[in-house]
């Protein structure tokens, strides 16, 4: 079981490394302020949706 968990963990890390590399080479980035503003907007939308149910 531990070997299976380690293999799964390693697979996830490898996939994450691929995604990070893709992001790093995909073009210009956005500022940290813009990242957080986008995140706050998404969180507010999710919270509003949850309270409207």
C-alpha atoms as a PDB file:
ATOM      1  CA  UNK A   1       0.000   0.000   0.000  1.00  0.00           C
ATOM      2  CA  UNK A   2       2.796   2.459   0.867  1.00  0.00           C
ATOM      3  CA  UNK A   3       4.467   1.829  -2.492  1.00  0.00           C
ATOM      4  CA  UNK A   4       1.188   2.584  -4.281  1.00  0.00           C
ATOM      5  CA  UNK A   5       0.779   5.821  -2.326  1.00  0.00           C
ATOM      6  CA  UNK A   6       4.338   6.851  -3.108  1.00  0.00           C
ATOM      7  CA  UNK A   7       3.829   6.080  -6.798  1.00  0.00           C
ATOM      8  CA  UNK A   8       0.627   8.154  -6.809  1.00  0.00           C
ATOM      9  CA  UNK A   9       2.399  10.992  -4.993  1.00  0.00           C
ATOM     10  CA  UNK A  10       5.290  10.901  -7.438  1.00  0.00           C
ATOM     11  CA  UNK A  11       2.903  10.918 -10.397  1.00  0.00           C
ATOM     12  CA  UNK A  12       1.126  13.974  -9.019  1.00  0.00           C
ATOM     13  CA  UNK A  13       4.423  15.767  -8.438  1.00  0.00           C
ATOM     14  CA  UNK A  14       5.538  14.987 -11.982  1.00  0.00           C
ATOM     15  CA  UNK A  15       2.255  16.319 -13.372  1.00  0.00           C
ATOM     16  CA  UNK A  16       2.596  19.451 -11.247  1.00  0.00           C
ATOM     17  CA  UNK A  17       6.132  20.024 -12.531  1.00  0.00           C
ATOM     18  CA  UNK A  18       4.863  19.755 -16.118  1.00  0.00           C
ATOM     19  CA  UNK A  19       2.107  22.296 -15.399  1.00  0.00           C
ATOM     20  CA  UNK A  20       4.542  24.688 -13.731  1.00  0.00           C
ATOM     21  CA  UNK A  21       6.903  24.461 -16.692  1.00  0.00           C
ATOM     22  CA  UNK A  22       4.016  25.054 -19.088  1.00  0.00           C
ATOM     23  CA  UNK A  23       2.946  28.140 -17.128  1.00  0.00           C
ATOM     24  CA  UNK A  24       6.472  29.466 -16.922  1.00  0.00           C
ATOM     25  CA  UNK A  25       6.941  29.270 -20.684  1.00  0.00           C
ATOM     26  CA  UNK A  26       3.431  30.209 -21.850  1.00  0.00           C
ATOM     27  CA  UNK A  27       3.960  33.944 -22.131  1.00  0.00           C
ATOM     28  CA  UNK A  28       3.890  37.041 -19.997  1.00  0.00           C
ATOM     29  CA  UNK A  29       2.525  36.692 -16.512  1.00  0.00           C
ATOM     30  CA  UNK A  30       0.200  38.890 -14.521  1.00  0.00           C
ATOM     31  CA  UNK A  31       0.972  40.804 -11.357  1.00  0.00           C
ATOM     32  CA  UNK A  32       0.439  39.310  -7.940  1.00  0.00           C
ATOM     33  CA  UNK A  33      -2.097  42.042  -7.202  1.00  0.00           C
ATOM     34  CA  UNK A  34      -4.132  40.974 -10.226  1.00  0.00           C
ATOM     35  CA  UNK A  35      -3.933  37.310  -9.205  1.00  0.00           C
ATOM     36  CA  UNK A  36      -5.307  38.101  -5.759  1.00  0.00           C
ATOM     37  CA  UNK A  37      -7.986  40.417  -7.152  1.00  0.00           C
ATOM     38  CA  UNK A  38      -9.149  37.631  -9.471  1.00  0.00           C
ATOM     39  CA  UNK A  39      -9.122  35.133  -6.603  1.00  0.00           C
ATOM     40  CA  UNK A  40     -11.145  37.442  -4.354  1.00  0.00           C
ATOM     41  CA  UNK A  41     -13.690  37.942  -7.139  1.00  0.00           C
ATOM     42  CA  UNK A  42     -14.055  34.191  -7.649  1.00  0.00           C
ATOM     43  CA  UNK A  43     -14.366  33.562  -3.911  1.00  0.00           C
ATOM     44  CA  UNK A  44     -17.033  36.253  -3.600  1.00  0.00           C
ATOM     45  CA  UNK A  45     -18.959  34.689  -6.476  1.00  0.00           C
ATOM     46  CA  UNK A  46     -18.784  31.246  -4.901  1.00  0.00           C
ATOM     47  CA  UNK A  47     -19.900  32.647  -1.528  1.00  0.00           C
ATOM     48  CA  UNK A  48     -22.790  34.520  -3.131  1.00  0.00           C
ATOM     49  CA  UNK A  49     -23.883  31.395  -4.975  1.00  0.00           C
ATOM     50  CA  UNK A  50     -23.759  29.367  -1.764  1.00  0.00           C
ATOM     51  CA  UNK A  51     -25.941  31.844   0.111  1.00  0.00           C
ATOM     52  CA  UNK A  52     -28.498  31.988  -2.708  1.00  0.00           C
ATOM     53  CA  UNK A  53     -29.299  28.282  -2.477  1.00  0.00           C
END
